[in-house]
N, C-alpha and C. Protein backbone atom coordinates (compact mmCIF):
# COMPACT_ATOMS: atom_id res chain seq x y z
N MET A 1 -28.67 -13.62 43.40
CA MET A 1 -29.04 -14.11 41.89
C MET A 1 -27.60 -14.00 41.44
N PRO A 2 -27.60 -14.51 39.92
CA PRO A 2 -26.43 -14.23 39.19
C PRO A 2 -26.88 -12.95 38.58
N ALA A 3 -26.06 -11.95 37.70
CA ALA A 3 -26.25 -10.86 37.01
C ALA A 3 -26.81 -11.60 35.91
N ARG A 4 -27.77 -10.94 35.51
CA ARG A 4 -28.25 -11.25 33.83
C ARG A 4 -27.45 -10.46 32.64
N ARG A 5 -26.73 -11.76 31.72
CA ARG A 5 -25.97 -11.26 30.96
C ARG A 5 -26.30 -10.70 29.73
N LEU A 6 -26.11 -9.58 29.55
CA LEU A 6 -26.52 -8.59 28.67
C LEU A 6 -25.80 -8.93 27.51
N PRO A 7 -27.01 -9.13 26.21
CA PRO A 7 -26.32 -9.42 24.68
C PRO A 7 -24.70 -8.50 24.38
N ARG A 8 -24.00 -9.04 23.59
CA ARG A 8 -23.04 -8.37 23.33
C ARG A 8 -23.24 -7.30 22.07
N ALA A 9 -22.29 -6.53 21.60
CA ALA A 9 -22.89 -5.14 20.57
C ALA A 9 -22.00 -6.00 19.25
N PRO A 10 -22.66 -5.81 17.70
CA PRO A 10 -22.44 -6.30 17.01
C PRO A 10 -20.83 -6.48 17.12
N LYS A 11 -20.34 -7.47 16.64
CA LYS A 11 -18.80 -7.27 16.57
C LYS A 11 -18.16 -6.43 15.00
N PRO A 12 -17.17 -5.96 15.46
CA PRO A 12 -17.02 -4.70 14.26
C PRO A 12 -16.69 -5.41 13.19
N TRP A 13 -16.86 -5.29 11.74
CA TRP A 13 -16.04 -6.06 10.39
C TRP A 13 -14.71 -6.39 10.76
N PRO A 14 -14.69 -7.63 10.85
CA PRO A 14 -13.19 -8.20 11.35
C PRO A 14 -12.02 -7.58 9.64
N ALA A 15 -10.77 -7.36 10.15
CA ALA A 15 -9.93 -7.65 8.81
C ALA A 15 -10.06 -8.66 8.56
N ARG A 16 -9.95 -9.67 9.12
CA ARG A 16 -10.02 -11.03 8.29
C ARG A 16 -11.12 -11.48 8.72
N ALA A 17 -11.54 -12.79 7.65
CA ALA A 17 -12.59 -13.62 8.75
C ALA A 17 -12.15 -15.07 7.86
N PRO A 18 -12.41 -15.61 8.06
CA PRO A 18 -12.91 -17.20 7.66
C PRO A 18 -13.18 -17.36 6.57
N HIS A 19 -12.78 -17.70 5.97
CA HIS A 19 -13.57 -18.26 4.20
C HIS A 19 -14.27 -19.55 4.28
N HIS A 20 -16.10 -19.76 5.40
CA HIS A 20 -16.59 -20.72 5.37
C HIS A 20 -17.53 -20.56 4.14
N ARG A 21 -17.19 -21.51 3.00
CA ARG A 21 -18.09 -21.92 1.89
C ARG A 21 -19.16 -22.60 2.10
N VAL A 22 -20.28 -22.03 1.32
CA VAL A 22 -21.26 -23.32 0.91
C VAL A 22 -21.31 -23.60 -0.70
N ARG A 23 -21.49 -24.81 -0.72
CA ARG A 23 -21.65 -25.52 -2.57
C ARG A 23 -22.59 -26.27 -2.80
N PRO A 24 -23.64 -25.65 -3.19
CA PRO A 24 -24.98 -26.31 -3.08
C PRO A 24 -24.87 -27.02 -4.98
N ARG A 25 -24.44 -26.89 -5.48
CA ARG A 25 -23.92 -27.28 -7.57
C ARG A 25 -22.94 -26.93 -7.55
N ALA A 26 -22.70 -28.01 -9.05
CA ALA A 26 -21.31 -28.15 -9.58
C ALA A 26 -20.44 -26.93 -9.40
N ALA A 27 -21.77 -25.61 -10.12
CA ALA A 27 -20.53 -24.37 -10.35
C ALA A 27 -20.03 -24.28 -9.06
N ALA A 28 -20.67 -24.17 -7.48
CA ALA A 28 -20.31 -23.70 -6.22
C ALA A 28 -18.97 -24.26 -6.21
N VAL A 29 -19.14 -25.92 -6.65
CA VAL A 29 -18.20 -26.38 -6.07
C VAL A 29 -16.56 -26.13 -6.95
N ALA A 30 -16.94 -25.88 -8.07
CA ALA A 30 -15.73 -25.04 -9.68
C ALA A 30 -15.53 -24.30 -8.30
N ALA A 31 -16.31 -23.59 -8.33
CA ALA A 31 -15.60 -21.92 -7.95
C ALA A 31 -14.84 -22.23 -6.59
N PHE A 32 -14.89 -23.08 -5.48
CA PHE A 32 -14.38 -23.26 -4.73
C PHE A 32 -12.67 -23.46 -4.93
N ALA A 33 -12.51 -25.02 -5.96
CA ALA A 33 -11.17 -25.00 -6.81
C ALA A 33 -10.68 -23.53 -7.51
N LEU A 34 -11.56 -22.89 -7.92
CA LEU A 34 -10.39 -21.67 -8.47
C LEU A 34 -10.05 -20.74 -7.48
N ALA A 35 -10.83 -20.73 -6.31
CA ALA A 35 -10.66 -19.31 -4.71
C ALA A 35 -9.06 -20.04 -4.62
N LEU A 36 -8.97 -21.22 -4.46
CA LEU A 36 -7.64 -22.30 -4.37
C LEU A 36 -6.80 -21.52 -5.38
N ALA A 37 -7.25 -21.77 -6.28
CA ALA A 37 -5.73 -21.32 -7.91
C ALA A 37 -5.89 -20.09 -7.45
N LEU A 38 -6.69 -19.26 -7.40
CA LEU A 38 -6.81 -18.14 -7.13
C LEU A 38 -6.00 -16.90 -5.63
N ALA A 39 -5.22 -17.65 -5.33
CA ALA A 39 -4.89 -17.59 -3.94
C ALA A 39 -3.43 -16.95 -3.57
N PRO A 40 -2.81 -15.95 -4.15
CA PRO A 40 -1.30 -16.21 -3.54
C PRO A 40 -1.45 -15.06 -3.10
N ALA A 41 0.18 -14.93 -2.34
CA ALA A 41 0.03 -13.85 -0.75
C ALA A 41 0.80 -12.61 -1.57
N PHE A 42 0.15 -11.93 -1.36
CA PHE A 42 -0.02 -10.58 -1.67
C PHE A 42 1.09 -10.04 -0.73
N GLY A 43 1.97 -8.75 -1.25
CA GLY A 43 2.75 -8.19 -0.15
C GLY A 43 2.75 -6.60 -0.59
N HIS A 44 1.92 -5.65 -0.26
CA HIS A 44 1.36 -4.67 -0.36
C HIS A 44 2.17 -3.59 0.19
N ALA A 45 2.99 -2.18 0.09
CA ALA A 45 3.22 -1.57 0.78
C ALA A 45 1.83 -0.77 1.48
N ARG A 46 1.03 -0.83 0.98
CA ARG A 46 -0.36 0.43 1.37
C ARG A 46 -1.60 -1.07 1.27
N ASP A 47 -2.31 -0.73 2.26
CA ASP A 47 -3.63 -1.15 2.25
C ASP A 47 -4.62 -1.08 0.91
N PRO A 48 -5.43 -1.94 -0.25
CA PRO A 48 -5.97 -2.41 -1.24
C PRO A 48 -7.11 -1.04 -0.41
N VAL A 49 -7.64 -0.17 -1.73
CA VAL A 49 -8.75 0.44 -1.43
C VAL A 49 -9.99 -0.92 -1.89
N PRO A 50 -11.20 -0.97 -0.75
CA PRO A 50 -12.10 -1.69 -1.04
C PRO A 50 -13.23 -1.18 -2.17
N PHE A 51 -13.50 -2.33 -2.58
CA PHE A 51 -15.10 -1.95 -3.89
C PHE A 51 -15.94 -2.90 -3.32
N THR A 52 -16.80 -2.65 -4.73
CA THR A 52 -18.40 -3.65 -4.41
C THR A 52 -17.93 -4.18 -5.68
N ALA A 53 -18.70 -5.64 -5.83
CA ALA A 53 -18.70 -6.60 -6.47
C ALA A 53 -18.87 -5.83 -7.88
N HIS A 54 -19.79 -5.29 -8.00
CA HIS A 54 -20.17 -4.65 -9.15
C HIS A 54 -19.04 -3.60 -9.74
N GLU A 55 -18.39 -3.21 -8.98
CA GLU A 55 -17.44 -1.62 -9.27
C GLU A 55 -16.04 -2.94 -9.95
N GLY A 56 -15.94 -3.87 -9.64
CA GLY A 56 -14.93 -4.84 -9.78
C GLY A 56 -15.24 -4.81 -11.41
N LEU A 57 -16.69 -5.24 -11.82
CA LEU A 57 -17.08 -6.44 -12.84
C LEU A 57 -16.55 -6.17 -14.30
N ALA A 58 -16.67 -4.52 -14.53
CA ALA A 58 -16.16 -4.62 -16.19
C ALA A 58 -14.94 -4.44 -15.90
N LEU A 59 -13.87 -4.57 -15.44
CA LEU A 59 -12.59 -4.99 -15.43
C LEU A 59 -12.50 -6.43 -15.50
N ALA A 60 -12.85 -7.33 -15.13
CA ALA A 60 -12.90 -8.46 -15.09
C ALA A 60 -13.69 -9.30 -16.46
N VAL A 61 -14.98 -8.48 -16.86
CA VAL A 61 -15.74 -9.14 -18.16
C VAL A 61 -14.68 -8.43 -19.48
N ASP A 62 -13.99 -7.27 -19.20
CA ASP A 62 -12.76 -6.95 -20.71
C ASP A 62 -11.81 -8.54 -20.21
N ALA A 63 -11.16 -8.70 -19.31
CA ALA A 63 -10.52 -9.54 -19.66
C ALA A 63 -11.26 -10.71 -20.01
N ALA A 64 -12.16 -11.12 -19.34
CA ALA A 64 -12.71 -12.23 -19.53
C ALA A 64 -12.96 -12.65 -21.28
N GLN A 65 -13.26 -11.82 -22.03
CA GLN A 65 -13.78 -11.32 -23.25
C GLN A 65 -12.52 -11.32 -23.86
N ASN A 66 -11.44 -10.76 -23.77
CA ASN A 66 -10.47 -11.31 -24.06
C ASN A 66 -9.56 -12.38 -24.67
N TRP A 67 -10.38 -13.32 -23.32
CA TRP A 67 -9.76 -14.79 -23.27
C TRP A 67 -11.32 -15.32 -24.78
N ALA A 68 -12.16 -15.22 -24.56
CA ALA A 68 -13.31 -15.76 -25.12
C ALA A 68 -14.43 -14.61 -25.37
N ALA A 69 -14.56 -14.43 -26.62
CA ALA A 69 -15.76 -13.50 -27.04
C ALA A 69 -17.27 -13.68 -26.04
N ASP A 70 -17.08 -14.97 -25.92
CA ASP A 70 -18.76 -15.48 -25.57
C ASP A 70 -18.32 -15.50 -24.54
N ALA A 71 -17.66 -15.03 -23.47
CA ALA A 71 -17.38 -15.42 -22.22
C ALA A 71 -18.56 -15.06 -21.50
N ARG A 72 -19.23 -15.45 -20.45
CA ARG A 72 -20.17 -14.95 -19.71
C ARG A 72 -20.27 -15.03 -18.20
N LEU A 73 -20.05 -14.37 -17.27
CA LEU A 73 -20.34 -14.63 -16.35
C LEU A 73 -21.34 -15.32 -15.22
N ILE A 74 -20.83 -16.48 -14.75
CA ILE A 74 -21.61 -17.24 -14.16
C ILE A 74 -21.54 -17.68 -12.47
N TYR A 75 -20.81 -16.89 -11.96
CA TYR A 75 -20.12 -16.97 -10.62
C TYR A 75 -19.58 -15.77 -10.25
N LEU A 76 -19.80 -14.98 -8.65
CA LEU A 76 -18.90 -14.33 -8.21
C LEU A 76 -18.71 -14.77 -6.70
N GLU A 77 -17.97 -13.96 -6.02
CA GLU A 77 -17.48 -14.17 -4.51
C GLU A 77 -17.01 -13.55 -3.79
N ASN A 78 -16.84 -12.90 -2.56
CA ASN A 78 -15.34 -12.26 -1.96
C ASN A 78 -14.56 -13.19 -1.81
N ASP A 79 -13.27 -12.37 -2.04
CA ASP A 79 -12.06 -13.51 -2.34
C ASP A 79 -11.39 -12.68 -0.80
N GLU A 80 -11.28 -11.45 -0.34
CA GLU A 80 -10.91 -11.34 1.25
C GLU A 80 -12.10 -10.82 1.53
N PRO A 81 -12.19 -10.76 2.78
CA PRO A 81 -13.45 -9.57 3.77
C PRO A 81 -14.00 -9.04 3.47
N VAL A 82 -15.49 -9.14 3.59
CA VAL A 82 -16.39 -8.01 2.92
C VAL A 82 -16.34 -7.17 4.11
N GLY A 83 -16.18 -5.72 4.47
CA GLY A 83 -16.72 -4.82 5.14
C GLY A 83 -17.85 -4.13 4.90
N GLU A 84 -17.89 -2.96 5.65
CA GLU A 84 -19.08 -2.39 5.70
C GLU A 84 -19.54 -1.76 4.31
N GLY A 85 -20.51 -1.62 4.15
CA GLY A 85 -21.03 -0.93 2.75
C GLY A 85 -20.84 -2.08 1.60
N GLY A 86 -20.49 -3.17 1.72
CA GLY A 86 -20.82 -4.12 0.78
C GLY A 86 -19.33 -4.65 0.39
N ALA A 87 -18.24 -3.98 0.71
CA ALA A 87 -16.79 -3.49 -0.40
C ALA A 87 -15.88 -4.47 0.35
N ALA A 88 -14.98 -5.67 -0.27
CA ALA A 88 -14.24 -6.47 -0.07
C ALA A 88 -12.81 -5.62 -0.69
N PRO A 89 -11.52 -5.99 -0.59
CA PRO A 89 -9.98 -5.79 -1.30
C PRO A 89 -10.20 -6.67 -2.87
N ARG A 90 -10.44 -7.76 -1.97
CA ARG A 90 -10.64 -8.45 -3.64
C ARG A 90 -11.64 -9.47 -4.16
N TRP A 91 -12.31 -9.90 -5.17
CA TRP A 91 -13.31 -10.19 -5.52
C TRP A 91 -13.34 -11.28 -6.91
N GLY A 92 -13.31 -12.44 -6.83
CA GLY A 92 -13.22 -13.00 -7.76
C GLY A 92 -14.32 -13.38 -8.95
N TYR A 93 -14.48 -13.74 -9.68
CA TYR A 93 -15.54 -13.74 -11.21
C TYR A 93 -14.98 -14.73 -11.79
N LEU A 94 -15.81 -15.75 -12.11
CA LEU A 94 -15.96 -17.15 -13.12
C LEU A 94 -16.44 -16.48 -14.14
N PHE A 95 -16.48 -17.09 -14.96
CA PHE A 95 -16.60 -16.75 -16.80
C PHE A 95 -16.85 -18.32 -17.01
N PHE A 96 -17.44 -18.53 -18.11
CA PHE A 96 -17.96 -19.54 -18.88
C PHE A 96 -18.02 -19.37 -20.24
N SER A 97 -17.26 -20.07 -21.14
CA SER A 97 -17.51 -19.78 -22.94
C SER A 97 -18.11 -21.05 -23.48
N ARG A 98 -19.11 -21.31 -24.13
CA ARG A 98 -19.08 -22.07 -24.96
C ARG A 98 -18.61 -22.36 -26.25
N THR A 99 -17.65 -21.62 -26.71
CA THR A 99 -16.91 -22.28 -27.79
C THR A 99 -15.60 -23.01 -27.32
N ARG A 100 -15.08 -22.42 -26.22
CA ARG A 100 -14.25 -23.05 -25.81
C ARG A 100 -14.48 -24.40 -24.75
N ASN A 101 -15.58 -24.21 -23.91
CA ASN A 101 -16.54 -25.40 -23.41
C ASN A 101 -15.33 -25.54 -22.17
N ALA A 102 -15.15 -24.11 -21.50
CA ALA A 102 -14.17 -24.20 -20.45
C ALA A 102 -14.36 -22.72 -19.28
N ALA A 103 -14.41 -23.07 -18.56
CA ALA A 103 -13.89 -21.57 -17.50
C ALA A 103 -13.11 -21.39 -17.06
N ARG A 104 -13.17 -20.27 -16.60
CA ARG A 104 -11.99 -19.21 -16.93
C ARG A 104 -12.08 -18.29 -15.31
N GLY A 105 -11.47 -18.51 -14.45
CA GLY A 105 -11.84 -17.02 -13.07
C GLY A 105 -10.34 -15.94 -13.14
N TYR A 106 -11.41 -14.73 -13.12
CA TYR A 106 -10.48 -13.48 -12.56
C TYR A 106 -10.71 -12.98 -11.38
N SER A 107 -9.21 -13.01 -10.81
CA SER A 107 -9.45 -12.26 -9.77
C SER A 107 -9.13 -10.82 -9.69
N VAL A 108 -9.91 -9.79 -9.11
CA VAL A 108 -9.62 -8.67 -9.14
C VAL A 108 -9.83 -7.75 -7.67
N ARG A 109 -8.40 -6.82 -7.51
CA ARG A 109 -7.82 -6.20 -6.24
C ARG A 109 -6.95 -5.21 -6.39
N ASP A 110 -7.35 -4.29 -6.20
CA ASP A 110 -6.29 -2.96 -6.60
C ASP A 110 -6.42 -2.34 -7.58
N GLY A 111 -7.31 -2.43 -8.27
CA GLY A 111 -7.80 -1.80 -9.42
C GLY A 111 -6.73 -2.63 -10.54
N ARG A 112 -6.80 -3.62 -10.84
CA ARG A 112 -5.96 -4.49 -11.36
C ARG A 112 -6.53 -6.31 -11.40
N ILE A 113 -6.42 -6.31 -12.66
CA ILE A 113 -6.02 -8.38 -12.50
C ILE A 113 -5.24 -8.57 -11.62
N ALA A 114 -5.69 -9.25 -10.48
CA ALA A 114 -4.33 -9.87 -9.68
C ALA A 114 -3.83 -11.24 -10.14
N ALA A 115 -5.14 -12.23 -10.37
CA ALA A 115 -4.84 -13.40 -10.50
C ALA A 115 -5.93 -13.77 -11.21
N ALA A 116 -5.50 -14.65 -12.72
CA ALA A 116 -6.20 -15.62 -13.48
C ALA A 116 -6.12 -17.17 -13.51
N ALA A 117 -7.05 -17.72 -13.62
CA ALA A 117 -7.11 -19.02 -14.14
C ALA A 117 -7.72 -19.82 -14.73
N ASP A 118 -7.48 -21.06 -15.46
CA ASP A 118 -8.33 -22.11 -16.20
C ASP A 118 -8.40 -22.92 -15.15
N LEU A 119 -10.08 -23.58 -14.95
CA LEU A 119 -11.04 -24.35 -14.17
C LEU A 119 -9.66 -25.89 -14.77
N GLY A 120 -9.59 -27.08 -13.96
CA GLY A 120 -8.55 -28.17 -14.34
C GLY A 120 -9.84 -28.74 -14.39
N PHE A 121 -10.92 -28.72 -15.13
CA PHE A 121 -12.21 -29.97 -15.23
C PHE A 121 -13.57 -29.22 -15.84
N ASP A 122 -14.56 -29.55 -16.42
CA ASP A 122 -15.33 -28.86 -17.35
C ASP A 122 -16.42 -28.57 -16.77
N LEU A 123 -17.12 -27.73 -17.00
CA LEU A 123 -18.08 -26.62 -16.07
C LEU A 123 -19.04 -26.37 -17.16
N GLN A 124 -20.00 -26.59 -16.75
CA GLN A 124 -21.46 -25.75 -17.98
C GLN A 124 -22.69 -25.35 -16.75
N ALA A 125 -22.37 -23.87 -16.55
CA ALA A 125 -23.67 -23.19 -15.66
C ALA A 125 -24.09 -22.53 -16.74
N PRO A 126 -25.26 -21.71 -15.94
CA PRO A 126 -26.55 -20.68 -16.57
C PRO A 126 -25.47 -19.38 -16.31
N PRO A 127 -25.38 -18.86 -17.00
CA PRO A 127 -25.23 -16.98 -17.33
C PRO A 127 -25.90 -16.64 -16.31
N LEU A 128 -24.96 -15.71 -15.06
CA LEU A 128 -25.98 -14.52 -14.49
C LEU A 128 -26.56 -13.20 -15.52
N PRO A 129 -27.97 -13.23 -14.98
CA PRO A 129 -28.36 -12.16 -16.26
C PRO A 129 -27.69 -10.39 -15.65
N ALA A 130 -28.36 -9.59 -16.64
CA ALA A 130 -27.51 -8.68 -15.88
C ALA A 130 -28.74 -7.85 -14.78
N GLY A 131 -28.19 -6.66 -14.04
CA GLY A 131 -29.06 -6.30 -13.38
C GLY A 131 -29.30 -6.59 -12.33
N TRP A 132 -28.07 -7.23 -11.55
CA TRP A 132 -28.11 -7.90 -10.28
C TRP A 132 -27.71 -6.93 -9.37
N VAL A 133 -28.32 -7.11 -8.26
CA VAL A 133 -28.02 -6.23 -7.58
C VAL A 133 -26.62 -5.68 -6.74
N ASP A 134 -26.22 -4.62 -6.16
CA ASP A 134 -24.93 -5.10 -5.71
C ASP A 134 -24.81 -5.51 -4.51
N SER A 135 -23.41 -5.63 -3.95
CA SER A 135 -23.41 -6.32 -2.90
C SER A 135 -23.26 -5.56 -1.73
N ALA A 136 -23.42 -4.44 -1.50
CA ALA A 136 -23.72 -3.49 -0.83
C ALA A 136 -25.13 -3.14 -0.77
N GLN A 137 -26.25 -3.22 -1.10
CA GLN A 137 -27.58 -3.37 -1.42
C GLN A 137 -27.97 -4.74 -0.76
N ALA A 138 -27.19 -6.25 -1.49
CA ALA A 138 -27.21 -6.94 -0.70
C ALA A 138 -27.20 -7.51 0.75
N LEU A 139 -25.96 -6.98 1.41
CA LEU A 139 -25.20 -6.74 2.16
C LEU A 139 -26.21 -5.97 3.64
N ALA A 140 -26.87 -4.64 2.89
CA ALA A 140 -27.97 -4.10 3.72
C ALA A 140 -29.17 -4.80 4.22
N ALA A 141 -29.63 -5.58 2.73
CA ALA A 141 -30.89 -6.70 3.16
C ALA A 141 -30.74 -7.48 4.36
N ALA A 142 -29.65 -8.21 4.46
CA ALA A 142 -29.35 -9.17 4.92
C ALA A 142 -28.71 -8.67 6.65
N GLU A 143 -28.56 -8.06 6.78
CA GLU A 143 -27.87 -7.19 7.99
C GLU A 143 -29.18 -6.70 9.06
N GLU A 144 -30.02 -5.94 7.75
CA GLU A 144 -31.69 -5.60 8.28
C GLU A 144 -32.24 -6.66 9.42
N LYS A 145 -31.98 -8.28 8.08
CA LYS A 145 -33.27 -9.28 8.47
C LYS A 145 -32.48 -10.12 9.35
N GLU A 146 -31.62 -10.59 9.22
CA GLU A 146 -30.85 -11.62 10.71
C GLU A 146 -29.42 -10.99 11.07
N GLY A 147 -28.39 -10.56 10.12
CA GLY A 147 -27.02 -10.59 9.93
C GLY A 147 -26.63 -9.82 11.21
N ALA A 148 -27.27 -8.46 11.09
CA ALA A 148 -27.23 -7.90 12.67
C ALA A 148 -27.52 -8.13 13.56
N ARG A 149 -28.41 -8.94 14.33
CA ARG A 149 -28.63 -9.60 15.16
C ARG A 149 -27.80 -10.52 15.48
N TYR A 150 -27.50 -12.02 14.35
CA TYR A 150 -26.94 -12.60 14.61
C TYR A 150 -25.22 -12.37 14.86
N ARG A 151 -24.42 -11.58 14.72
CA ARG A 151 -23.50 -10.90 15.06
C ARG A 151 -23.88 -10.33 16.40
N ALA A 152 -24.77 -9.60 16.99
CA ALA A 152 -24.53 -8.94 18.28
C ALA A 152 -25.00 -10.27 19.26
N GLU A 153 -25.57 -11.12 18.77
CA GLU A 153 -26.10 -12.21 19.76
C GLU A 153 -24.69 -13.27 20.22
N HIS A 154 -24.27 -12.77 19.35
CA HIS A 154 -23.26 -14.71 18.81
C HIS A 154 -21.69 -14.16 18.58
N GLY A 155 -21.57 -12.73 18.90
CA GLY A 155 -20.15 -12.21 18.32
C GLY A 155 -19.43 -13.04 16.80
N GLY A 156 -20.78 -13.23 15.83
CA GLY A 156 -20.43 -13.67 14.53
C GLY A 156 -20.04 -12.59 14.09
N GLN A 157 -19.65 -13.31 12.60
CA GLN A 157 -18.73 -12.39 11.82
C GLN A 157 -19.30 -12.66 10.01
N LEU A 158 -19.54 -11.55 9.54
CA LEU A 158 -19.61 -12.10 7.82
C LEU A 158 -18.69 -13.16 7.13
N ALA A 159 -18.96 -14.03 6.52
CA ALA A 159 -17.28 -15.08 6.45
C ALA A 159 -17.71 -14.76 4.76
N THR A 160 -18.79 -14.83 4.01
CA THR A 160 -18.65 -15.41 2.52
C THR A 160 -19.99 -14.46 1.82
N MET A 161 -19.90 -13.86 0.66
CA MET A 161 -20.50 -13.66 0.18
C MET A 161 -20.48 -14.13 -1.54
N LEU A 162 -21.71 -14.36 -1.96
CA LEU A 162 -21.33 -15.58 -3.37
C LEU A 162 -22.73 -14.94 -4.02
N LEU A 163 -22.74 -15.29 -5.55
CA LEU A 163 -23.91 -14.78 -6.21
C LEU A 163 -23.50 -15.52 -7.39
N LEU A 164 -24.74 -16.61 -7.43
CA LEU A 164 -24.71 -17.38 -8.81
C LEU A 164 -26.36 -17.71 -8.74
N ARG A 165 -26.50 -18.79 -10.08
CA ARG A 165 -28.24 -18.54 -10.96
C ARG A 165 -28.84 -20.03 -9.74
N GLY A 166 -29.75 -20.60 -9.76
CA GLY A 166 -30.67 -21.46 -9.94
C GLY A 166 -29.99 -22.22 -8.66
N ALA A 167 -29.40 -21.78 -6.95
CA ALA A 167 -29.16 -22.33 -6.56
C ALA A 167 -30.03 -22.62 -5.24
N PHE A 168 -30.40 -21.72 -4.71
CA PHE A 168 -31.27 -21.36 -3.59
C PHE A 168 -32.39 -21.13 -3.49
N ARG A 169 -33.22 -21.31 -4.38
CA ARG A 169 -34.73 -21.19 -4.73
C ARG A 169 -35.33 -22.09 -5.51
N PRO A 170 -35.38 -22.95 -4.64
CA PRO A 170 -36.04 -24.92 -5.02
C PRO A 170 -37.44 -24.25 -5.79
N ASP A 171 -37.85 -22.96 -5.30
CA ASP A 171 -39.72 -22.84 -6.03
C ASP A 171 -39.39 -22.23 -7.07
N ASP A 172 -37.90 -21.70 -7.31
CA ASP A 172 -37.66 -20.88 -8.45
C ASP A 172 -35.95 -21.23 -9.22
N PRO A 173 -36.04 -22.51 -9.63
CA PRO A 173 -34.28 -22.57 -9.78
C PRO A 173 -33.91 -21.72 -10.86
N ASP A 174 -34.24 -21.03 -11.87
CA ASP A 174 -33.77 -20.18 -12.32
C ASP A 174 -33.46 -18.57 -11.85
N ARG A 175 -33.70 -18.44 -10.64
CA ARG A 175 -33.69 -17.49 -9.80
C ARG A 175 -32.50 -17.32 -9.60
N THR A 176 -31.36 -16.11 -9.92
CA THR A 176 -30.12 -15.32 -9.40
C THR A 176 -30.74 -14.50 -7.79
N THR A 177 -29.46 -15.45 -7.12
CA THR A 177 -29.15 -14.65 -5.75
C THR A 177 -28.01 -14.73 -5.16
N TRP A 178 -28.10 -13.74 -3.72
CA TRP A 178 -27.18 -13.80 -3.16
C TRP A 178 -27.18 -14.25 -2.29
N ALA A 179 -26.04 -15.09 -1.63
CA ALA A 179 -26.41 -15.51 -0.70
C ALA A 179 -24.86 -15.19 0.67
N LEU A 180 -25.75 -15.22 1.85
CA LEU A 180 -24.49 -14.44 2.63
C LEU A 180 -24.61 -15.77 3.57
N VAL A 181 -23.29 -15.83 4.01
CA VAL A 181 -23.25 -16.91 4.98
C VAL A 181 -21.94 -16.47 6.52
N TYR A 182 -22.79 -16.35 7.23
CA TYR A 182 -22.17 -15.77 8.68
C TYR A 182 -21.81 -16.83 9.67
N THR A 183 -20.76 -16.52 10.23
CA THR A 183 -20.28 -17.69 10.85
C THR A 183 -20.06 -17.27 12.82
N SER A 184 -20.24 -17.92 13.18
CA SER A 184 -19.91 -17.67 14.65
C SER A 184 -19.44 -19.19 15.52
N GLN A 185 -18.35 -18.99 16.19
CA GLN A 185 -17.87 -20.42 17.23
C GLN A 185 -18.97 -20.44 18.70
N GLY A 186 -19.52 -19.89 18.59
CA GLY A 186 -20.62 -20.39 19.57
C GLY A 186 -21.99 -20.92 18.98
N ALA A 187 -21.94 -20.41 17.51
CA ALA A 187 -23.56 -20.64 17.37
C ALA A 187 -23.42 -21.58 15.52
N PRO A 188 -24.65 -22.37 15.61
CA PRO A 188 -24.92 -22.26 13.88
C PRO A 188 -24.14 -21.09 12.87
N THR A 189 -23.88 -21.66 11.86
CA THR A 189 -23.80 -20.87 10.57
C THR A 189 -25.19 -20.22 10.12
N LEU A 190 -25.07 -19.16 10.05
CA LEU A 190 -26.17 -18.54 9.31
C LEU A 190 -26.32 -18.05 7.75
N PHE A 191 -27.21 -18.47 7.51
CA PHE A 191 -27.50 -18.25 5.40
C PHE A 191 -28.50 -17.45 5.53
N VAL A 192 -28.33 -16.49 4.75
CA VAL A 192 -29.10 -15.07 4.37
C VAL A 192 -29.21 -15.21 2.89
N VAL A 193 -30.32 -15.55 1.98
CA VAL A 193 -30.28 -16.12 0.73
C VAL A 193 -31.22 -14.28 0.46
N VAL A 194 -30.55 -13.64 -0.87
CA VAL A 194 -30.98 -11.94 -1.18
C VAL A 194 -31.47 -12.45 -2.82
N ASP A 195 -32.69 -12.18 -2.91
CA ASP A 195 -33.17 -12.01 -4.52
C ASP A 195 -32.46 -10.98 -4.93
N ALA A 196 -31.36 -11.57 -5.85
CA ALA A 196 -30.39 -10.55 -6.78
C ALA A 196 -30.55 -9.77 -7.65
N GLY A 197 -32.43 -9.41 -8.01
CA GLY A 197 -33.20 -9.05 -8.89
C GLY A 197 -33.63 -7.62 -8.31
N THR A 198 -34.48 -8.32 -6.93
CA THR A 198 -35.38 -6.91 -6.16
C THR A 198 -34.69 -6.63 -5.10
N GLY A 199 -33.38 -7.09 -4.25
CA GLY A 199 -32.86 -7.00 -3.37
C GLY A 199 -33.26 -7.18 -2.04
N LYS A 200 -34.17 -8.03 -2.16
CA LYS A 200 -35.18 -8.48 -0.71
C LYS A 200 -34.81 -9.89 -0.55
N VAL A 201 -34.49 -10.32 0.88
CA VAL A 201 -34.02 -11.14 1.86
C VAL A 201 -35.60 -12.48 1.51
N VAL A 202 -35.37 -13.06 0.88
CA VAL A 202 -36.04 -14.02 0.28
C VAL A 202 -36.33 -15.43 1.45
N ARG A 203 -34.92 -15.96 1.98
CA ARG A 203 -34.96 -16.86 2.76
C ARG A 203 -33.83 -17.02 3.88
N THR A 204 -33.75 -17.34 5.06
CA THR A 204 -32.91 -17.85 6.57
C THR A 204 -32.60 -18.88 6.40
N TRP A 205 -31.65 -19.09 7.43
CA TRP A 205 -31.85 -20.44 7.79
C TRP A 205 -30.35 -20.58 8.69
N GLN A 206 -30.43 -21.68 10.00
CA GLN A 206 -29.02 -22.05 10.45
C GLN A 206 -28.91 -23.29 10.85
N GLY A 207 -27.62 -23.85 10.46
CA GLY A 207 -27.16 -24.91 10.50
C GLY A 207 -26.38 -24.85 10.06
């Protein structure tokens, strides 16, 4: 009788993960273009210190409001892999200005604005409200619900964390949510949606 195959232990947080992306709305499609625009090669003598999404927000807001006083955050996503504690070496923040009728993105890395770029097309999206839970809390909720199990059973990894409004809650389209995307070569992608106001998981699916 063949030996029973035991589940693998959770895969360590990778040094680099594939950037699988989810784009349910125009704002998300725009952010894909933004990520491509803000992806220069970095040559650092030392590794940058990872930080949570909220820890890089003030720097991005200052830069955006120098560009346009009415700039408001509409989207953010990890620009480099997220590790333990919901921290990444680089996060991308997308802002929209009504007066300029334009969107501009800022990539924060190593305590500075690493890159900035205007979108090459029109975009209007609702601003993210204040008070959203940080990436650390969102990741902890996703891991407890399904993420850790998925990584253990399928050798998977977290590929993407993104925050936006009105995309993943058809029952409440004005709600701001974190979406965490886990990928594996041996299983369908896992999506975990976390309410950004409460920090609770509200939806999971694979596909």
